[in-house]
Amino acid sequence: MKTGLTIVCGFFMLLSTAAAQTLGEFAPKEQRGTYGPRKFPSKDVYIAGFSVNFQLYNLKTTSTKGGFAGKMLTGDTKASLAVGLDIPAATLQQITDDAYQQFVADLKAKGFNVIGADAAATTKYFEGYQRFDNMEMSLSEAPGMVTVYPSNTTFFVKGFSKNGQKKRQGMFSFIGLADRADEVASYPKLSQELNDAIIVNADLFVLFLDIKKPYQGDGARLIANTDLRLSSYGTVDSRVATNTNSKSLTNKIGLTSPGSKEVSVGTTSAIDFVAGRNKIGGSPFGTYTGVLKKDLQINGVIGQEKIQAFAKTDQDYIGTETAFGKMYRADNIAVENTALIKADPAMYAGGVSQAINAFLKHHVNAFQTKFFK
């Protein structure tokens, strides 16, 4: 016998719209690869990629298995926790557009020449690529996140997988396993064709939730805490739909699909500068990768909330005497908890924009100071 229990949390409203948005400790760093001499022979810059990944929901499930041991029968348990963040798509687009425009303006103010997409369109590197002059938001790049690209900006895409994810250039692209780092490693080829121009790729992750699976003990348990931040590094796990042919948005993100699986995605906020290509080995003349030592907290935007889903194990250690001997019975328990976190769009935009702009501005300045001062 299976007993279903559903708990729906009320909406967590923002307590005060007058609170100021502030940042926690900002701890940027350069992530060095192979040590050795580096040079950047040109101040031409081509921005090959720029995206902001906003976490808007997370769906997780955990379970425990029951059984009979020590004269006690325990039932199975299953806990599911779904938490969403209510922010308009227009707000996410505006944050990304403003960040990109400030980023380009900062590069130009530092003396760099930002070259357009038409120059890159004729390279062999981008042969067979699709050109997008206004990339749409995507729910396919990372579970529980929407990936946003700056409006009216041209990017080239190698293609898309059956799940809608962008295909990437790189060593393992022929078997569909190339990731962002693999693509960045291929930029020396593009730089060489653009007269040693600096190829730039910025990929940022804004997270709002931290979900933990503590010791399960006497049942299945999940605990989520709100935590708005620009992610330094790590992974986020969430359930996504396996029925990718469905046209339903809620099915695509794994909330109502009859089939789903849990997947993980890396959440390292990074900006890469890559230039030149050596004749022997094909390594770049120069590289600079800007990251964070730790998450950059964004305060005063969403309230501190703790959401929990807990399915307590049903136990029977007494039993019932029958003509056929003692019988035991324990129900299987399933608990689902759903919460929607509401935030003021203007406050969210203000806080997130501060974090993104601080990150990009620092690394543009650090790069320029280190190699062109």
Protein backbone atom coordinates (compact mmCIF):
# COMPACT_ATOMS: atom_id res chain seq x y z
CA MET A 1 0.00 0.00 0.00
CA LYS A 2 1.28 3.47 -0.85
CA THR A 3 0.21 6.61 0.94
CA GLY A 4 0.72 9.91 -0.87
CA LEU A 5 1.13 13.14 1.05
CA THR A 6 1.54 16.47 -0.69
CA ILE A 7 2.57 19.70 1.03
CA VAL A 8 2.49 22.98 -0.87
CA CYS A 9 4.34 25.91 0.69
CA GLY A 10 2.92 29.39 0.53
CA PHE A 11 4.76 32.01 -1.51
CA PHE A 12 7.67 33.68 0.25
CA MET A 13 7.11 37.38 -0.33
CA LEU A 14 9.83 40.01 -0.18
CA LEU A 15 9.56 41.68 3.22
CA SER A 16 10.93 45.09 2.29
CA THR A 17 11.42 46.77 -1.06
CA ALA A 18 13.50 49.53 0.55
CA ALA A 19 16.48 47.33 1.46
CA ALA A 20 19.72 48.16 -0.30
CA GLN A 21 21.40 45.65 -2.56
CA THR A 22 24.98 45.05 -1.46
CA LEU A 23 27.71 42.62 -2.37
CA GLY A 24 29.61 40.32 -0.08
CA GLU A 25 33.39 39.96 -0.17
CA PHE A 26 34.66 40.19 -3.76
CA ALA A 27 37.55 37.75 -4.23
CA PRO A 28 38.62 37.57 -7.90
CA LYS A 29 41.64 35.68 -9.14
CA GLU A 30 43.45 34.62 -12.29
CA GLN A 31 43.27 30.89 -12.97
CA ARG A 32 46.62 30.00 -14.49
CA GLY A 33 47.13 27.03 -16.73
CA THR A 34 50.59 26.09 -18.01
CA TYR A 35 53.17 28.55 -16.73
CA GLY A 36 55.52 30.19 -19.17
CA PRO A 37 55.99 33.35 -21.24
CA ARG A 38 52.81 34.98 -22.48
CA LYS A 39 52.27 37.73 -25.00
CA PHE A 40 49.35 39.40 -26.70
CA PRO A 41 50.60 40.93 -29.97
CA SER A 42 47.33 42.71 -30.86
CA LYS A 43 44.79 44.91 -29.12
CA ASP A 44 42.05 43.74 -31.47
CA VAL A 45 39.34 41.84 -29.55
CA TYR A 46 36.72 39.48 -30.89
CA ILE A 47 33.98 38.42 -28.44
CA ALA A 48 33.19 34.84 -29.44
CA GLY A 49 30.83 34.17 -26.55
CA PHE A 50 28.96 36.06 -23.85
CA SER A 51 26.19 34.52 -21.75
CA VAL A 52 24.62 34.73 -18.31
CA ASN A 53 23.04 31.61 -16.82
CA PHE A 54 20.27 32.47 -14.34
CA GLN A 55 19.07 29.72 -12.00
CA LEU A 56 15.27 29.94 -11.86
CA TYR A 57 14.24 26.60 -10.40
CA ASN A 58 15.58 23.40 -8.91
CA LEU A 59 13.86 20.03 -8.66
CA LYS A 60 15.43 17.26 -6.61
CA THR A 61 14.29 13.87 -5.36
CA THR A 62 15.77 11.51 -2.79
CA SER A 63 14.55 8.19 -1.42
CA THR A 64 15.24 5.45 1.10
CA LYS A 65 14.53 1.74 0.72
CA GLY A 66 12.56 -0.12 3.36
CA GLY A 67 12.70 -3.77 4.34
CA PHE A 68 12.45 -6.28 7.15
CA ALA A 69 15.31 -6.47 9.63
CA GLY A 70 15.60 -7.09 13.35
CA LYS A 71 11.90 -8.03 13.63
CA MET A 72 10.86 -4.63 12.25
CA LEU A 73 9.40 -3.75 8.85
CA THR A 74 10.08 -0.31 7.39
CA GLY A 75 8.49 1.25 4.32
CA ASP A 76 10.08 3.03 1.39
CA THR A 77 10.26 6.83 1.49
CA LYS A 78 10.59 9.45 -1.22
CA ALA A 79 10.97 13.20 -0.86
CA SER A 80 10.75 15.68 -3.73
CA LEU A 81 11.51 19.39 -3.47
CA ALA A 82 10.83 21.93 -6.22
CA VAL A 83 11.75 25.59 -5.69
CA GLY A 84 11.34 28.37 -8.22
CA LEU A 85 12.29 32.05 -8.43
CA ASP A 86 9.75 34.46 -9.90
CA ILE A 87 11.70 36.89 -12.11
CA PRO A 88 10.40 38.16 -15.50
CA ALA A 89 12.30 37.15 -18.64
CA ALA A 90 12.52 40.82 -19.64
CA THR A 91 14.49 41.54 -16.45
CA LEU A 92 17.01 38.79 -17.22
CA GLN A 93 17.43 40.10 -20.77
CA GLN A 94 17.95 43.66 -19.58
CA ILE A 95 20.59 42.57 -17.04
CA THR A 96 22.47 40.71 -19.78
CA ASP A 97 22.16 43.53 -22.32
CA ASP A 98 23.40 46.14 -19.85
CA ALA A 99 26.29 43.95 -18.72
CA TYR A 100 27.40 43.33 -22.30
CA GLN A 101 27.20 46.99 -23.26
CA GLN A 102 29.24 48.02 -20.22
CA PHE A 103 31.73 45.26 -20.93
CA VAL A 104 32.27 46.43 -24.52
CA ALA A 105 32.49 50.06 -23.40
CA ASP A 106 35.08 49.13 -20.79
CA LEU A 107 37.20 47.27 -23.34
CA LYS A 108 37.15 50.28 -25.65
CA ALA A 109 37.97 52.66 -22.79
CA LYS A 110 41.04 50.51 -22.06
CA GLY A 111 42.23 50.98 -25.65
CA PHE A 112 41.04 47.70 -27.20
CA ASN A 113 39.52 47.57 -30.66
CA VAL A 114 36.40 45.37 -30.62
CA ILE A 115 36.03 43.85 -34.09
CA GLY A 116 32.66 42.85 -35.50
CA ALA A 117 31.20 39.50 -36.47
CA ASP A 118 31.57 40.12 -40.21
CA ALA A 119 35.34 39.76 -39.92
CA ALA A 120 34.97 36.40 -38.19
CA ALA A 121 32.26 35.15 -40.55
CA THR A 122 34.75 34.52 -43.36
CA THR A 123 37.18 32.42 -41.29
CA LYS A 124 37.64 28.68 -41.81
CA TYR A 125 37.07 28.25 -38.07
CA PHE A 126 33.41 29.17 -38.49
CA GLU A 127 32.83 27.21 -41.71
CA GLY A 128 29.54 25.34 -41.41
CA TYR A 129 28.46 27.32 -38.35
CA GLN A 130 25.03 28.91 -38.04
CA ARG A 131 24.98 32.68 -37.67
CA PHE A 132 22.58 34.19 -35.11
CA ASP A 133 22.20 37.95 -35.02
CA ASN A 134 19.90 37.77 -32.00
CA MET A 135 20.31 34.59 -29.94
CA GLU A 136 17.20 33.50 -28.05
CA MET A 137 17.18 32.48 -24.41
CA SER A 138 17.71 28.77 -23.86
CA LEU A 139 16.46 26.34 -21.22
CA SER A 140 18.62 23.57 -22.66
CA GLU A 141 22.15 24.54 -21.66
CA ALA A 142 21.91 23.86 -17.92
CA PRO A 143 19.28 22.17 -15.72
CA GLY A 144 17.09 24.63 -13.86
CA MET A 145 18.62 27.62 -15.61
CA VAL A 146 17.87 29.95 -18.47
CA THR A 147 20.90 30.98 -20.55
CA VAL A 148 20.61 34.55 -21.81
CA TYR A 149 22.62 36.20 -24.59
CA PRO A 150 22.87 39.95 -25.30
CA SER A 151 20.25 41.25 -27.72
CA ASN A 152 21.12 42.23 -31.29
CA THR A 153 24.56 40.68 -31.00
CA THR A 154 25.95 38.16 -33.47
CA PHE A 155 27.26 34.77 -32.39
CA PHE A 156 28.16 31.67 -34.37
CA VAL A 157 26.94 28.24 -33.28
CA LYS A 158 28.28 24.90 -34.48
CA GLY A 159 24.84 23.34 -34.20
CA PHE A 160 22.51 21.88 -31.59
CA SER A 161 22.15 18.46 -30.02
CA LYS A 162 18.84 16.59 -29.95
CA ASN A 163 18.35 18.03 -26.45
CA GLY A 164 18.78 21.58 -27.73
CA GLN A 165 22.24 22.19 -26.29
CA LYS A 166 24.81 24.07 -28.33
CA LYS A 167 27.46 21.94 -29.99
CA ARG A 168 30.98 23.16 -29.34
CA GLN A 169 34.26 23.23 -31.19
CA GLY A 170 37.13 21.31 -29.67
CA MET A 171 39.08 18.08 -29.42
CA PHE A 172 36.04 15.98 -28.53
CA SER A 173 33.48 17.74 -30.71
CA PHE A 174 33.32 14.81 -33.13
CA ILE A 175 31.65 12.67 -30.45
CA GLY A 176 29.60 15.50 -28.95
CA LEU A 177 31.55 15.76 -25.69
CA ALA A 178 33.24 19.12 -26.16
CA ASP A 179 32.55 21.52 -23.29
CA ARG A 180 33.25 25.21 -22.77
CA ALA A 181 36.89 24.63 -21.75
CA ASP A 182 37.43 22.49 -24.84
CA GLU A 183 36.00 25.23 -27.04
CA VAL A 184 38.19 27.90 -25.45
CA ALA A 185 41.21 25.66 -26.08
CA SER A 186 40.38 25.78 -29.80
CA TYR A 187 40.48 29.60 -29.97
CA PRO A 188 44.13 29.83 -31.10
CA LYS A 189 42.95 28.66 -34.53
CA LEU A 190 40.42 31.48 -34.69
CA SER A 191 42.89 34.05 -33.37
CA GLN A 192 45.43 33.07 -36.01
CA GLU A 193 42.89 33.74 -38.75
CA LEU A 194 42.07 37.12 -37.23
CA ASN A 195 45.69 38.33 -37.21
CA ASP A 196 46.32 37.27 -33.61
CA ALA A 197 43.26 39.09 -32.27
CA ILE A 198 42.31 38.37 -28.66
CA ILE A 199 39.38 35.95 -28.54
CA VAL A 200 37.12 36.51 -25.53
CA ASN A 201 34.49 34.27 -23.97
CA ALA A 202 32.53 35.23 -20.85
CA ASP A 203 30.18 32.74 -19.18
CA LEU A 204 28.55 33.67 -15.84
CA PHE A 205 26.28 31.80 -13.40
CA VAL A 206 23.81 33.51 -11.07
CA LEU A 207 22.42 31.05 -8.50
CA PHE A 208 19.69 31.62 -5.91
CA LEU A 209 19.41 28.31 -4.09
CA ASP A 210 21.52 25.83 -2.15
CA ILE A 211 19.91 22.39 -1.78
CA LYS A 212 21.43 19.77 0.48
CA LYS A 213 20.63 16.12 1.11
CA PRO A 214 21.55 15.62 4.77
CA TYR A 215 21.80 12.30 6.56
CA GLN A 216 18.56 10.49 5.71
CA GLY A 217 18.19 8.77 9.08
CA ASP A 218 14.55 7.87 9.61
CA GLY A 219 13.35 9.00 6.20
CA ALA A 220 14.05 10.87 2.98
CA ARG A 221 14.97 14.52 3.55
CA LEU A 222 15.91 17.53 1.40
CA ILE A 223 16.68 21.02 2.70
CA ALA A 224 16.95 24.16 0.55
CA ASN A 225 18.23 27.59 1.59
CA THR A 226 17.93 30.74 -0.49
CA ASP A 227 21.36 32.12 -1.38
CA LEU A 228 21.61 34.63 -4.24
CA ARG A 229 25.16 34.75 -5.59
CA LEU A 230 27.49 34.89 -8.56
CA SER A 231 28.90 31.37 -8.56
CA SER A 232 32.65 30.86 -8.33
CA TYR A 233 32.83 27.15 -9.14
CA GLY A 234 31.03 23.91 -8.34
CA THR A 235 28.04 22.05 -9.71
CA VAL A 236 24.27 22.23 -9.54
CA ASP A 237 22.09 19.13 -9.65
CA SER A 238 18.50 19.19 -10.85
CA ARG A 239 15.95 16.88 -12.45
CA VAL A 240 15.15 17.42 -16.12
CA ALA A 241 12.65 15.82 -18.45
CA THR A 242 13.60 12.77 -20.48
CA ASN A 243 10.66 13.35 -22.83
CA THR A 244 12.40 16.02 -24.91
CA ASN A 245 9.82 15.85 -27.69
CA SER A 246 7.15 17.38 -25.47
CA LYS A 247 6.06 20.90 -26.37
CA SER A 248 5.04 21.72 -22.80
CA LEU A 249 7.38 24.16 -21.05
CA THR A 250 6.81 22.51 -17.66
CA ASN A 251 7.61 19.15 -19.21
CA LYS A 252 10.80 20.45 -20.79
CA ILE A 253 12.16 21.68 -17.48
CA GLY A 254 11.30 18.41 -15.76
CA LEU A 255 8.50 19.61 -13.49
CA THR A 256 5.59 17.63 -14.95
CA SER A 257 7.17 15.22 -17.40
CA PRO A 258 6.26 11.56 -16.86
CA GLY A 259 9.94 10.73 -17.13
CA SER A 260 12.88 12.66 -15.69
CA LYS A 261 16.47 12.20 -14.61
CA GLU A 262 18.86 14.09 -12.38
CA VAL A 263 21.79 15.76 -14.12
CA SER A 264 24.67 17.93 -12.99
CA VAL A 265 26.21 21.02 -14.57
CA GLY A 266 29.34 22.97 -13.71
CA THR A 267 28.72 26.53 -12.54
CA THR A 268 32.08 28.27 -12.87
CA SER A 269 31.82 31.96 -13.73
CA ALA A 270 34.77 32.71 -15.99
CA ILE A 271 36.10 35.05 -18.64
CA ASP A 272 38.85 33.93 -21.05
CA PHE A 273 41.24 35.96 -23.19
CA VAL A 274 43.15 33.88 -25.78
CA ALA A 275 45.51 35.15 -28.48
CA GLY A 276 47.79 33.79 -31.20
CA ARG A 277 48.84 30.30 -32.21
CA ASN A 278 52.32 28.84 -32.09
CA LYS A 279 53.47 27.05 -35.25
CA ILE A 280 54.71 24.07 -33.24
CA GLY A 281 52.03 22.43 -31.13
CA GLY A 282 49.33 25.01 -31.85
CA SER A 283 49.33 26.43 -28.33
CA PRO A 284 48.32 30.09 -27.86
CA PHE A 285 50.76 32.97 -27.48
CA GLY A 286 48.88 34.20 -24.45
CA THR A 287 45.98 33.27 -22.18
CA TYR A 288 44.25 34.89 -19.25
CA THR A 289 41.32 33.32 -17.38
CA GLY A 290 39.49 35.35 -14.77
CA VAL A 291 37.44 33.56 -12.10
CA LEU A 292 36.39 33.94 -8.44
CA LYS A 293 38.06 32.44 -5.38
CA LYS A 294 34.65 32.08 -3.76
CA ASP A 295 31.02 32.92 -4.49
CA LEU A 296 30.16 36.60 -4.65
CA GLN A 297 27.12 37.03 -2.39
CA ILE A 298 24.31 39.38 -3.46
CA ASN A 299 22.53 40.70 -0.38
CA GLY A 300 19.26 42.56 0.17
CA VAL A 301 17.37 41.02 -2.76
CA ILE A 302 15.60 37.86 -1.56
CA GLY A 303 14.71 36.88 1.98
CA GLN A 304 16.51 34.12 3.84
CA GLU A 305 14.22 31.12 3.55
CA LYS A 306 14.59 27.46 4.51
CA ILE A 307 12.40 24.99 2.65
CA GLN A 308 12.25 21.31 3.50
CA ALA A 309 10.73 18.09 2.22
CA PHE A 310 10.79 15.20 4.69
CA ALA A 311 9.15 11.79 4.32
CA LYS A 312 9.34 9.99 7.68
CA THR A 313 9.76 6.23 7.48
CA ASP A 314 6.72 4.21 8.56
CA GLN A 315 7.72 1.41 10.93
CA ASP A 316 6.00 -1.67 12.34
CA TYR A 317 7.90 -3.53 15.05
CA ILE A 318 4.85 -4.91 16.93
CA GLY A 319 3.07 -6.79 14.17
CA THR A 320 -0.37 -8.44 14.22
CA GLU A 321 -0.98 -12.01 15.31
CA THR A 322 -2.94 -14.04 12.74
CA ALA A 323 -3.80 -17.70 12.28
CA PHE A 324 -0.83 -17.91 9.97
CA GLY A 325 1.64 -16.17 12.29
CA LYS A 326 2.63 -12.60 13.00
CA MET A 327 2.15 -10.17 10.09
CA TYR A 328 3.82 -6.77 9.68
CA ARG A 329 2.69 -3.79 7.64
CA ALA A 330 4.44 -0.49 6.83
CA ASP A 331 3.24 2.11 4.35
CA ASN A 332 5.46 3.67 1.68
CA ILE A 333 5.49 7.44 2.16
CA ALA A 334 5.98 10.06 -0.56
CA VAL A 335 6.24 13.77 0.22
CA GLU A 336 6.36 16.60 -2.30
CA ASN A 337 7.12 20.19 -1.36
CA THR A 338 6.84 23.10 -3.78
CA ALA A 339 7.78 26.71 -3.13
CA LEU A 340 7.95 29.87 -5.23
CA ILE A 341 10.32 32.60 -4.09
CA LYS A 342 9.17 36.05 -5.14
CA ALA A 343 11.58 38.95 -5.52
CA ASP A 344 11.27 42.52 -6.71
CA PRO A 345 12.57 42.57 -10.33
CA ALA A 346 14.24 45.97 -9.94
CA MET A 347 16.05 44.92 -6.77
CA TYR A 348 17.10 41.64 -8.39
CA ALA A 349 18.42 43.50 -11.44
CA GLY A 350 20.27 46.01 -9.26
CA GLY A 351 22.02 43.39 -7.13
CA VAL A 352 22.86 40.94 -9.90
CA SER A 353 24.09 43.72 -12.19
CA GLN A 354 26.44 44.96 -9.45
CA ALA A 355 27.96 41.50 -9.14
CA ILE A 356 28.35 40.87 -12.87
CA ASN A 357 29.79 44.31 -13.59
CA ALA A 358 32.24 44.06 -10.68
CA PHE A 359 33.49 40.72 -12.00
CA LEU A 360 33.87 41.81 -15.63
CA LYS A 361 35.31 45.24 -14.87
CA HIS A 362 37.94 43.79 -12.54
CA HIS A 363 39.18 41.22 -15.02
CA VAL A 364 39.24 43.62 -17.96
CA ASN A 365 41.34 45.97 -15.86
CA ALA A 366 43.59 43.16 -14.55
CA PHE A 367 44.15 41.86 -18.08
CA GLN A 368 44.93 45.29 -19.52
CA THR A 369 47.22 46.21 -16.62
CA LYS A 370 49.14 42.94 -16.76
CA PHE A 371 49.82 42.82 -20.49
CA PHE A 372 49.40 46.31 -21.98
CA LYS A 373 50.38 48.84 -19.34
